[in-house]
C-alpha atoms as a PDB file:
ATOM      1  CA  MET A   1     124.907  88.671  91.791  1.00  0.00           C
ATOM      2  CA  ASN A   2     126.570  90.346  88.864  1.00  0.00           C
ATOM      3  CA  ILE A   3     127.733  93.825  88.000  1.00  0.00           C
ATOM      4  CA  ASN A   4     127.355  94.584  84.301  1.00  0.00           C
ATOM      5  CA  GLY A   5     129.975  97.311  84.372  1.00  0.00           C
ATOM      6  CA  SER A   6     127.706 100.215  85.187  1.00  0.00           C
ATOM      7  CA  GLN A   7     125.013  99.083  87.609  1.00  0.00           C
ATOM      8  CA  ALA A   8     123.918  96.073  89.643  1.00  0.00           C
ATOM      9  CA  ASP A   9     121.201  93.838  88.234  1.00  0.00           C
ATOM     10  CA  VAL A  10     119.769  93.107  91.682  1.00  0.00           C
ATOM     11  CA  TYR A  11     118.863  95.840  94.154  1.00  0.00           C
ATOM     12  CA  ALA A  12     120.486  93.958  97.075  1.00  0.00           C
ATOM     13  CA  ASP A  13     123.951  93.893  95.453  1.00  0.00           C
ATOM     14  CA  PHE A  14     126.053  95.985  97.857  1.00  0.00           C
ATOM     15  CA  ASN A  15     129.397  95.228  96.201  1.00  0.00           C
ATOM     16  CA  GLY A  16     128.744  97.984  93.684  1.00  0.00           C
ATOM     17  CA  LEU A  17     129.346 100.652  96.346  1.00  0.00           C
ATOM     18  CA  ALA A  18     133.038  99.739  96.674  1.00  0.00           C
ATOM     19  CA  GLN A  19     133.459  99.787  92.910  1.00  0.00           C
ATOM     20  CA  LEU A  20     131.738 103.163  92.749  1.00  0.00           C
ATOM     21  CA  LYS A  21     134.152 104.672  95.305  1.00  0.00           C
ATOM     22  CA  ALA A  22     137.129 103.386  93.325  1.00  0.00           C
ATOM     23  CA  LYS A  23     135.868 104.869  90.068  1.00  0.00           C
ATOM     24  CA  ALA A  24     135.184 108.252  91.697  1.00  0.00           C
ATOM     25  CA  THR A  25     138.900 108.613  92.442  1.00  0.00           C
ATOM     26  CA  GLY A  26     140.061 107.369  89.046  1.00  0.00           C
ATOM     27  CA  GLY A  27     140.567 109.022  85.705  1.00  0.00           C
ATOM     28  CA  GLN A  28     138.158 111.226  83.773  1.00  0.00           C
ATOM     29  CA  GLY A  29     136.461 108.261  82.126  1.00  0.00           C
ATOM     30  CA  GLU A  30     135.957 106.461  85.416  1.00  0.00           C
ATOM     31  CA  LYS A  31     134.674 109.644  87.073  1.00  0.00           C
ATOM     32  CA  GLN A  32     132.123 110.014  84.278  1.00  0.00           C
ATOM     33  CA  GLU A  33     131.011 106.417  84.796  1.00  0.00           C
ATOM     34  CA  ALA A  34     130.784 106.946  88.574  1.00  0.00           C
ATOM     35  CA  LEU A  35     128.665 110.064  88.036  1.00  0.00           C
ATOM     36  CA  GLU A  36     126.332 108.133  85.777  1.00  0.00           C
ATOM     37  CA  GLN A  37     125.971 105.394  88.394  1.00  0.00           C
ATOM     38  CA  VAL A  38     125.199 107.863  91.192  1.00  0.00           C
ATOM     39  CA  ALA A  39     122.622 109.599  89.002  1.00  0.00           C
ATOM     40  CA  ARG A  40     121.054 106.255  88.132  1.00  0.00           C
ATOM     41  CA  GLN A  41     120.880 105.296  91.814  1.00  0.00           C
ATOM     42  CA  PHE A  42     119.179 108.578  92.628  1.00  0.00           C
ATOM     43  CA  GLU A  43     116.707 107.876  89.827  1.00  0.00           C
ATOM     44  CA  THR A  44     116.052 104.446  91.359  1.00  0.00           C
ATOM     45  CA  VAL A  45     115.295 106.035  94.731  1.00  0.00           C
ATOM     46  CA  PHE A  46     112.934 108.470  93.020  1.00  0.00           C
ATOM     47  CA  LEU A  47     111.098 105.609  91.330  1.00  0.00           C
ATOM     48  CA  LYS A  48     110.832 103.778  94.662  1.00  0.00           C
ATOM     49  CA  MET A  49     109.192 106.875  96.167  1.00  0.00           C
ATOM     50  CA  MET A  50     106.714 106.965  93.289  1.00  0.00           C
ATOM     51  CA  LEU A  51     105.851 103.303  93.822  1.00  0.00           C
ATOM     52  CA  LYS A  52     105.319 103.889  97.532  1.00  0.00           C
ATOM     53  CA  SER A  53     103.045 106.837  96.810  1.00  0.00           C
ATOM     54  CA  MET A  54     101.037 104.694  94.402  1.00  0.00           C
ATOM     55  CA  ARG A  55     100.688 101.926  96.992  1.00  0.00           C
ATOM     56  CA  ASP A  56      99.466 104.433  99.556  1.00  0.00           C
ATOM     57  CA  THR A  57      96.471 105.175  97.325  1.00  0.00           C
ATOM     58  CA  VAL A  58      95.324 101.521  97.469  1.00  0.00           C
ATOM     59  CA  PRO A  59      93.106 100.693 100.484  1.00  0.00           C
ATOM     60  CA  ASP A  60      94.635  98.244 102.960  1.00  0.00           C
ATOM     61  CA  SER A  61      93.179  94.748 103.073  1.00  0.00           C
ATOM     62  CA  GLU A  62      92.366  93.392 106.524  1.00  0.00           C
ATOM     63  CA  LEU A  63      92.866  89.896 105.135  1.00  0.00           C
ATOM     64  CA  ILE A  64      96.420  90.186 103.834  1.00  0.00           C
ATOM     65  CA  ASP A  65      97.780  93.327 105.455  1.00  0.00           C
ATOM     66  CA  GLY A  66     100.740  92.536 107.683  1.00  0.00           C
ATOM     67  CA  GLU A  67     104.419  93.168 108.279  1.00  0.00           C
ATOM     68  CA  LYS A  68     105.528  90.217 106.127  1.00  0.00           C
ATOM     69  CA  THR A  69     103.377  91.363 103.227  1.00  0.00           C
ATOM     70  CA  LYS A  70     104.764  94.895 103.456  1.00  0.00           C
ATOM     71  CA  PHE A  71     108.323  93.536 103.650  1.00  0.00           C
ATOM     72  CA  TYR A  72     108.005  91.531 100.425  1.00  0.00           C
ATOM     73  CA  GLU A  73     106.153  94.365  98.693  1.00  0.00           C
ATOM     74  CA  SER A  74     109.085  96.638  99.579  1.00  0.00           C
ATOM     75  CA  MET A  75     111.546  94.115  98.108  1.00  0.00           C
ATOM     76  CA  TYR A  76     109.449  93.895  94.954  1.00  0.00           C
ATOM     77  CA  ASP A  77     109.331  97.697  94.624  1.00  0.00           C
ATOM     78  CA  ASP A  78     113.107  97.939  95.067  1.00  0.00           C
ATOM     79  CA  GLN A  79     113.723  95.533  92.206  1.00  0.00           C
ATOM     80  CA  ILE A  80     111.088  97.106  89.932  1.00  0.00           C
ATOM     81  CA  SER A  81     112.611 100.536  90.548  1.00  0.00           C
ATOM     82  CA  LEU A  82     116.079  99.257  89.633  1.00  0.00           C
ATOM     83  CA  ASP A  83     114.840  97.507  86.483  1.00  0.00           C
ATOM     84  CA  LEU A  84     112.969 100.583  85.240  1.00  0.00           C
ATOM     85  CA  SER A  85     115.929 102.847  85.927  1.00  0.00           C
ATOM     86  CA  LYS A  86     118.308 100.526  84.029  1.00  0.00           C
ATOM     87  CA  ARG A  87     116.166 100.875  80.911  1.00  0.00           C
ATOM     88  CA  GLY A  88     117.208 104.526  80.730  1.00  0.00           C
ATOM     89  CA  HIS A  89     113.842 105.826  79.557  1.00  0.00           C
ATOM     90  CA  LEU A  90     113.090 108.110  82.494  1.00  0.00           C
ATOM     91  CA  GLY A  91     115.635 110.843  81.775  1.00  0.00           C
ATOM     92  CA  LEU A  92     116.090 111.996  85.366  1.00  0.00           C
ATOM     93  CA  ALA A  93     119.559 110.446  85.639  1.00  0.00           C
ATOM     94  CA  ASP A  94     120.614 112.192  82.420  1.00  0.00           C
ATOM     95  CA  MET A  95     119.435 115.527  83.819  1.00  0.00           C
ATOM     96  CA  ILE A  96     121.510 114.981  86.979  1.00  0.00           C
ATOM     97  CA  VAL A  97     124.609 114.067  84.967  1.00  0.00           C
ATOM     98  CA  GLN A  98     124.147 117.190  82.852  1.00  0.00           C
ATOM     99  CA  GLN A  99     123.692 119.421  85.918  1.00  0.00           C
ATOM    100  CA  MET A 100     126.872 117.986  87.504  1.00  0.00           C
ATOM    101  CA  GLY A 101     128.915 118.832  84.423  1.00  0.00           C
ATOM    102  CA  GLY A 102     129.044 115.338  82.984  1.00  0.00           C
ATOM    103  CA  GLN A 103     128.424 114.292  79.411  1.00  0.00           C
ATOM    104  CA  VAL A 104     125.048 112.856  78.472  1.00  0.00           C
ATOM    105  CA  LYS A 105     125.182 109.946  76.057  1.00  0.00           C
ATOM    106  CA  SER A 106     124.292 110.941  72.524  1.00  0.00           C
ATOM    107  CA  GLU A 107     121.541 108.331  72.170  1.00  0.00           C
ATOM    108  CA  ASN A 108     119.775 109.852  75.180  1.00  0.00           C
ATOM    109  CA  MET A 109     119.957 113.305  73.637  1.00  0.00           C
ATOM    110  CA  VAL A 110     118.273 112.102  70.456  1.00  0.00           C
ATOM    111  CA  ALA A 111     114.981 111.829  72.322  1.00  0.00           C
ATOM    112  CA  ALA A 112     115.169 115.560  73.001  1.00  0.00           C
ATOM    113  CA  GLN A 113     115.702 116.602  69.374  1.00  0.00           C
ATOM    114  CA  GLY A 114     112.926 118.755  67.961  1.00  0.00           C
ATOM    115  CA  LEU A 115     111.961 120.039  71.439  1.00  0.00           C
ATOM    116  CA  SER A 116     112.784 123.483  72.752  1.00  0.00           C
ATOM    117  CA  ASP A 117     113.994 122.185  76.082  1.00  0.00           C
ATOM    118  CA  TYR A 118     115.716 118.944  77.079  1.00  0.00           C
ATOM    119  CA  ARG A 119     113.816 119.030  80.365  1.00  0.00           C
ATOM    120  CA  GLU A 120     110.551 118.887  78.457  1.00  0.00           C
ATOM    121  CA  ALA A 121     111.723 115.656  76.848  1.00  0.00           C
ATOM    122  CA  SER A 122     112.647 114.278  80.258  1.00  0.00           C
ATOM    123  CA  VAL A 123     109.211 115.106  81.655  1.00  0.00           C
ATOM    124  CA  ARG A 124     107.649 113.172  78.841  1.00  0.00           C
ATOM    125  CA  ARG A 125     109.884 110.199  79.531  1.00  0.00           C
ATOM    126  CA  ILE A 126     108.962 110.391  83.236  1.00  0.00           C
ATOM    127  CA  GLN A 127     105.287 110.214  82.278  1.00  0.00           C
ATOM    128  CA  GLY A 128     106.035 107.184  80.132  1.00  0.00           C
ATOM    129  CA  ALA A 129     107.920 105.529  82.973  1.00  0.00           C
ATOM    130  CA  LEU A 130     104.982 106.110  85.309  1.00  0.00           C
ATOM    131  CA  GLN A 131     102.838 104.170  82.865  1.00  0.00           C
ATOM    132  CA  GLU A 132     105.431 101.378  82.890  1.00  0.00           C
ATOM    133  CA  VAL A 133     105.250 101.299  86.688  1.00  0.00           C
ATOM    134  CA  LYS A 134     101.491 100.951  86.574  1.00  0.00           C
ATOM    135  CA  THR A 135     101.859  98.063  84.145  1.00  0.00           C
ATOM    136  CA  ALA A 136     104.478  96.372  86.292  1.00  0.00           C
ATOM    137  CA  GLU A 137     102.439  96.682  89.470  1.00  0.00           C
ATOM    138  CA  PRO A 138     100.353  93.642  90.486  1.00  0.00           C
ATOM    139  CA  SER A 139      96.862  94.698  89.548  1.00  0.00           C
ATOM    140  CA  SER A 140      94.110  94.341  92.115  1.00  0.00           C
ATOM    141  CA  ASN A 141      91.476  94.202  89.389  1.00  0.00           C
ATOM    142  CA  VAL A 142      89.137  95.930  91.760  1.00  0.00           C
ATOM    143  CA  THR A 143      86.961  98.934  91.123  1.00  0.00           C
ATOM    144  CA  ALA A 144      86.733 100.794  94.417  1.00  0.00           C
ATOM    145  CA  ILE A 145      83.416 100.304  96.188  1.00  0.00           C
ATOM    146  CA  ASN A 146      82.812 103.214  98.520  1.00  0.00           C
ATOM    147  CA  SER A 147      79.395 102.570 100.042  1.00  0.00           C
ATOM    148  CA  PRO A 148      76.464 100.118 100.160  1.00  0.00           C
ATOM    149  CA  GLU A 149      74.753 102.223  97.504  1.00  0.00           C
ATOM    150  CA  ASP A 150      77.836 101.970  95.285  1.00  0.00           C
ATOM    151  CA  PHE A 151      77.943  98.201  95.823  1.00  0.00           C
ATOM    152  CA  ILE A 152      74.285  97.875  94.844  1.00  0.00           C
ATOM    153  CA  HIS A 153      74.759 100.039  91.759  1.00  0.00           C
ATOM    154  CA  LYS A 154      77.684  97.915  90.520  1.00  0.00           C
ATOM    155  CA  MET A 155      76.190  94.490  91.322  1.00  0.00           C
ATOM    156  CA  TRP A 156      72.495  95.010  90.576  1.00  0.00           C
ATOM    157  CA  PRO A 157      72.574  94.069  86.841  1.00  0.00           C
ATOM    158  CA  GLN A 158      74.519  90.833  87.454  1.00  0.00           C
ATOM    159  CA  ALA A 159      72.336  89.988  90.444  1.00  0.00           C
ATOM    160  CA  GLN A 160      69.189  90.290  88.331  1.00  0.00           C
ATOM    161  CA  GLN A 161      70.561  88.007  85.632  1.00  0.00           C
ATOM    162  CA  ALA A 162      71.680  85.361  88.129  1.00  0.00           C
ATOM    163  CA  ALA A 163      68.408  85.622  90.050  1.00  0.00           C
ATOM    164  CA  GLN A 164      66.392  85.009  86.905  1.00  0.00           C
ATOM    165  CA  GLU A 165      68.309  81.787  86.258  1.00  0.00           C
ATOM    166  CA  LEU A 166      67.648  80.584  89.793  1.00  0.00           C
ATOM    167  CA  GLY A 167      64.122  81.926  90.011  1.00  0.00           C
ATOM    168  CA  VAL A 168      64.863  83.903  93.178  1.00  0.00           C
ATOM    169  CA  ASP A 169      64.561  87.535  94.189  1.00  0.00           C
ATOM    170  CA  ALA A 170      67.619  89.453  92.963  1.00  0.00           C
ATOM    171  CA  LYS A 171      67.673  91.408  96.213  1.00  0.00           C
ATOM    172  CA  VAL A 172      68.377  88.182  98.106  1.00  0.00           C
ATOM    173  CA  LEU A 173      71.578  87.700  96.096  1.00  0.00           C
ATOM    174  CA  LEU A 174      72.630  91.265  96.806  1.00  0.00           C
ATOM    175  CA  ALA A 175      71.958  90.785 100.513  1.00  0.00           C
ATOM    176  CA  GLN A 176      73.925  87.536 100.638  1.00  0.00           C
ATOM    177  CA  SER A 177      76.901  88.971  98.747  1.00  0.00           C
ATOM    178  CA  ALA A 178      76.774  92.082 100.945  1.00  0.00           C
ATOM    179  CA  LEU A 179      77.014  89.878 104.033  1.00  0.00           C
ATOM    180  CA  GLU A 180      79.869  87.823 102.598  1.00  0.00           C
ATOM    181  CA  THR A 181      81.926  90.848 101.519  1.00  0.00           C
ATOM    182  CA  GLY A 182      80.941  93.654 103.887  1.00  0.00           C
ATOM    183  CA  TRP A 183      79.191  95.498 101.045  1.00  0.00           C
ATOM    184  CA  GLY A 184      82.194  94.907  98.790  1.00  0.00           C
ATOM    185  CA  LYS A 185      84.817  96.372 101.116  1.00  0.00           C
ATOM    186  CA  HIS A 186      86.270  93.061 102.299  1.00  0.00           C
ATOM    187  CA  ILE A 187      86.438  90.955  99.162  1.00  0.00           C
ATOM    188  CA  MET A 188      89.140  88.308  99.524  1.00  0.00           C
ATOM    189  CA  ARG A 189      92.474  89.005  97.850  1.00  0.00           C
ATOM    190  CA  ASN A 190      95.562  86.956  97.118  1.00  0.00           C
ATOM    191  CA  LYS A 191      99.036  87.636  98.528  1.00  0.00           C
ATOM    192  CA  ILE A 192      99.836  90.344  95.992  1.00  0.00           C
ATOM    193  CA  GLY A 193      96.562  92.158  96.476  1.00  0.00           C
ATOM    194  CA  GLN A 194      94.591  90.898  93.483  1.00  0.00           C
ATOM    195  CA  SER A 195      90.870  90.550  94.067  1.00  0.00           C
ATOM    196  CA  SER A 196      89.313  87.102  94.096  1.00  0.00           C
ATOM    197  CA  HIS A 197      86.008  88.664  92.966  1.00  0.00           C
ATOM    198  CA  ASN A 198      84.406  86.007  95.204  1.00  0.00           C
ATOM    199  CA  LEU A 199      81.091  87.533  96.279  1.00  0.00           C
ATOM    200  CA  PHE A 200      79.503  84.465  97.872  1.00  0.00           C
ATOM    201  CA  GLY A 201      82.282  82.922  99.943  1.00  0.00           C
ATOM    202  CA  ILE A 202      82.375  79.711  97.918  1.00  0.00           C
ATOM    203  CA  LYS A 203      85.290  77.516  98.951  1.00  0.00           C
ATOM    204  CA  ALA A 204      87.527  75.659  96.524  1.00  0.00           C
ATOM    205  CA  SER A 205      86.775  71.958  96.808  1.00  0.00           C
ATOM    206  CA  HIS A 206      89.096  69.221  95.535  1.00  0.00           C
ATOM    207  CA  GLY A 207      87.290  69.230  92.200  1.00  0.00           C
ATOM    208  CA  TRP A 208      87.768  72.947  91.604  1.00  0.00           C
ATOM    209  CA  GLU A 209      90.236  73.584  88.757  1.00  0.00           C
ATOM    210  CA  GLY A 210      90.121  77.373  88.683  1.00  0.00           C
ATOM    211  CA  LYS A 211      92.031  80.043  90.549  1.00  0.00           C
ATOM    212  CA  THR A 212      92.107  80.066  94.340  1.00  0.00           C
ATOM    213  CA  VAL A 213      92.936  82.352  97.223  1.00  0.00           C
ATOM    214  CA  SER A 214      93.867  81.265 100.742  1.00  0.00           C
ATOM    215  CA  VAL A 215      92.728  83.531 103.583  1.00  0.00           C
ATOM    216  CA  GLN A 216      91.874  83.400 107.246  1.00  0.00           C
ATOM    217  CA  THR A 217      88.158  83.010 107.878  1.00  0.00           C
ATOM    218  CA  VAL A 218      85.762  82.465 110.767  1.00  0.00           C
ATOM    219  CA  GLU A 219      84.018  79.103 111.102  1.00  0.00           C
ATOM    220  CA  TYR A 220      81.528  78.014 113.731  1.00  0.00           C
ATOM    221  CA  GLU A 221      81.736  74.638 115.442  1.00  0.00           C
ATOM    222  CA  ASN A 222      79.052  73.839 118.012  1.00  0.00           C
ATOM    223  CA  GLY A 223      78.135  77.511 117.965  1.00  0.00           C
ATOM    224  CA  ILE A 224      81.673  78.654 118.814  1.00  0.00           C
ATOM    225  CA  ALA A 225      83.543  80.887 116.372  1.00  0.00           C
ATOM    226  CA  GLU A 226      87.077  79.868 115.417  1.00  0.00           C
ATOM    227  CA  LYS A 227      89.589  81.427 113.023  1.00  0.00           C
ATOM    228  CA  ARG A 228      90.859  79.042 110.349  1.00  0.00           C
ATOM    229  CA  GLN A 229      92.840  79.191 107.129  1.00  0.00           C
ATOM    230  CA  ALA A 230      90.719  78.182 104.161  1.00  0.00           C
ATOM    231  CA  THR A 231      90.998  78.129 100.379  1.00  0.00           C
ATOM    232  CA  PHE A 232      88.324  79.867  98.324  1.00  0.00           C
ATOM    233  CA  ARG A 233      87.528  80.107  94.639  1.00  0.00           C
ATOM    234  CA  ALA A 234      88.811  83.111  92.702  1.00  0.00           C
ATOM    235  CA  TYR A 235      87.433  84.639  89.512  1.00  0.00           C
ATOM    236  CA  ASP A 236      88.485  87.178  86.908  1.00  0.00           C
ATOM    237  CA  SER A 237      85.319  89.253  87.318  1.00  0.00           C
ATOM    238  CA  TYR A 238      82.211  89.699  89.454  1.00  0.00           C
ATOM    239  CA  GLN A 239      80.148  88.333  86.585  1.00  0.00           C
ATOM    240  CA  GLU A 240      82.062  85.054  86.825  1.00  0.00           C
ATOM    241  CA  SER A 241      81.311  84.965  90.551  1.00  0.00           C
ATOM    242  CA  PHE A 242      77.575  85.282  89.932  1.00  0.00           C
ATOM    243  CA  ASN A 243      77.710  82.659  87.163  1.00  0.00           C
ATOM    244  CA  ASP A 244      79.563  80.195  89.381  1.00  0.00           C
ATOM    245  CA  TYR A 245      77.144  80.789  92.244  1.00  0.00           C
ATOM    246  CA  VAL A 246      74.247  79.797  89.987  1.00  0.00           C
ATOM    247  CA  GLN A 247      76.039  76.636  88.845  1.00  0.00           C
ATOM    248  CA  PHE A 248      77.149  75.841  92.390  1.00  0.00           C
ATOM    249  CA  LEU A 249      73.569  75.759  93.634  1.00  0.00           C
ATOM    250  CA  GLN A 250      72.049  74.100  90.586  1.00  0.00           C
ATOM    251  CA  GLN A 251      74.608  71.292  90.324  1.00  0.00           C
ATOM    252  CA  ASN A 252      74.925  70.518  94.024  1.00  0.00           C
ATOM    253  CA  PRO A 253      72.218  68.079  95.230  1.00  0.00           C
ATOM    254  CA  ARG A 254      72.354  69.414  98.793  1.00  0.00           C
ATOM    255  CA  TYR A 255      70.811  72.730  97.686  1.00  0.00           C
ATOM    256  CA  GLN A 256      67.934  71.309  95.638  1.00  0.00           C
ATOM    257  CA  GLN A 257      65.535  71.635  98.557  1.00  0.00           C
ATOM    258  CA  ALA A 258      66.401  75.307  98.939  1.00  0.00           C
ATOM    259  CA  LEU A 259      65.744  75.859  95.220  1.00  0.00           C
ATOM    260  CA  THR A 260      62.211  74.557  95.657  1.00  0.00           C
ATOM    261  CA  GLN A 261      61.529  77.454  98.033  1.00  0.00           C
ATOM    262  CA  VAL A 262      62.545  80.319  95.754  1.00  0.00           C
ATOM    263  CA  ASP A 263      59.075  81.876  95.997  1.00  0.00           C
ATOM    264  CA  SER A 264      59.882  82.789  99.589  1.00  0.00           C
ATOM    265  CA  ASN A 265      62.965  84.827 100.397  1.00  0.00           C
ATOM    266  CA  GLU A 266      62.965  83.529 103.944  1.00  0.00           C
ATOM    267  CA  GLY A 267      62.388  79.959 102.829  1.00  0.00           C
ATOM    268  CA  PHE A 268      65.211  80.085 100.288  1.00  0.00           C
ATOM    269  CA  VAL A 269      67.746  81.639 102.657  1.00  0.00           C
ATOM    270  CA  LYS A 270      66.896  79.299 105.514  1.00  0.00           C
ATOM    271  CA  GLY A 271      67.081  76.408 103.043  1.00  0.00           C
ATOM    272  CA  LEU A 272      70.657  77.384 102.190  1.00  0.00           C
ATOM    273  CA  GLN A 273      71.610  77.448 105.849  1.00  0.00           C
ATOM    274  CA  LYS A 274      69.907  74.131 106.546  1.00  0.00           C
ATOM    275  CA  ALA A 275      71.822  72.577 103.636  1.00  0.00           C
ATOM    276  CA  GLY A 276      75.102  73.704 105.204  1.00  0.00           C
ATOM    277  CA  TYR A 277      76.005  76.678 103.011  1.00  0.00           C
ATOM    278  CA  ALA A 278      77.571  78.395 106.035  1.00  0.00           C
ATOM    279  CA  THR A 279      78.475  77.336 109.574  1.00  0.00           C
ATOM    280  CA  ASP A 280      77.282  80.581 111.176  1.00  0.00           C
ATOM    281  CA  PRO A 281      74.057  79.693 113.047  1.00  0.00           C
ATOM    282  CA  ALA A 282      72.744  83.218 112.406  1.00  0.00           C
ATOM    283  CA  TYR A 283      73.640  83.220 108.683  1.00  0.00           C
ATOM    284  CA  ALA A 284      70.068  83.232 107.353  1.00  0.00           C
ATOM    285  CA  GLN A 285      68.892  85.814 109.862  1.00  0.00           C
ATOM    286  CA  LYS A 286      71.743  88.139 108.960  1.00  0.00           C
ATOM    287  CA  ILE A 287      70.852  87.956 105.250  1.00  0.00           C
ATOM    288  CA  LEU A 288      67.189  88.662 106.009  1.00  0.00           C
ATOM    289  CA  SER A 289      68.209  91.611 108.170  1.00  0.00           C
ATOM    290  CA  ILE A 290      70.219  93.116 105.301  1.00  0.00           C
ATOM    291  CA  LEU A 291      67.368  92.378 102.915  1.00  0.00           C
ATOM    292  CA  ASN A 292      65.037  94.544 104.988  1.00  0.00           C
ATOM    293  CA  ARG A 293      67.327  97.566 104.896  1.00  0.00           C
ATOM    294  CA  ALA A 294      66.213 100.675 103.074  1.00  0.00           C
ATOM    295  CA  GLN A 295      68.977 100.368 100.460  1.00  0.00           C
ATOM    296  CA  LEU A 296      67.462  97.131  99.132  1.00  0.00           C
ATOM    297  CA  SER A 297      63.785  97.475  99.941  1.00  0.00           C
ATOM    298  CA  GLY A 298      63.318 100.204  97.325  1.00  0.00           C
ATOM    299  CA  LEU A 299      64.833  98.243  94.444  1.00  0.00           C
ATOM    300  CA  THR A 300      62.516  97.035  91.710  1.00  0.00           C
ATOM    301  CA  VAL A 301      63.124  94.507  88.949  1.00  0.00           C
ATOM    302  CA  PRO A 302      62.177  95.585  85.397  1.00  0.00           C
ATOM    303  CA  ALA A 303      59.512  93.555  83.642  1.00  0.00           C
ATOM    304  CA  SER A 304      62.184  91.960  81.437  1.00  0.00           C
ATOM    305  CA  GLY A 305      64.037  90.711  84.502  1.00  0.00           C
ATOM    306  CA  PHE A 306      67.210  92.544  83.466  1.00  0.00           C
ATOM    307  CA  ALA A 307      68.582  95.974  84.144  1.00  0.00           C
ATOM    308  CA  SER A 308      68.308  98.386  81.292  1.00  0.00           C
END
């Protein structure tokens, strides 16, 4: 780990503290440098608090939430905070140096020229840094789904398009995806919280060349539920999930019998279960139960087959 003369490059570099103490007792130049370092460290702590507040707004995932995940997220936030502070764009450290009687570097003062107050310039730089933090954060690529009605509203157009290609009732696809994802609230995510967008629980076979996500799932063997680690397909959008579901059924010979029963919701769903789509012995019945709920029973498909 290296010290570049003013600040550590890695957040876990503790050797800088001894150097900081030595500079604080040195000459005027060293005291100025020590003041700048302390101000920069305070700025780093402030950024870490902002990152934590931003994380608190993201719903926890039952699939990946755990002490190890939180530990590595904390390490990541520490390093991001340090990197952003070292860029010197925030302005908070400069304000602290100025308040403590130190000299602010001339290049940092240039940003404040033309403004009535240096603090106003710093506020603007803080807003810019917040945007940098958002960019640096691992994106979940998930639009929050707050209720079954919200899930239906967001998925209904894609469900209709996919259903038309398969010749099935679009409400069946909504019911199946609702079962697989808990109405969109338990969509599988990777280790950094990015959504897999996998709506139908399709696993990644050996021939799958796309993205994947590994999560703990429940499988049934001889009617007994067991928790297992499994690898599933991951997509960049929900539309890709619907598209892959259509191809998965159409190109897999084991589901051809189910596709001959698309005129009957019950026949199609039971055909999927019989073909081995899921190990849960009550899989088909659960889909049919969701299908009969009020949220889905009132949906109608436009004459064109697509949502307007």
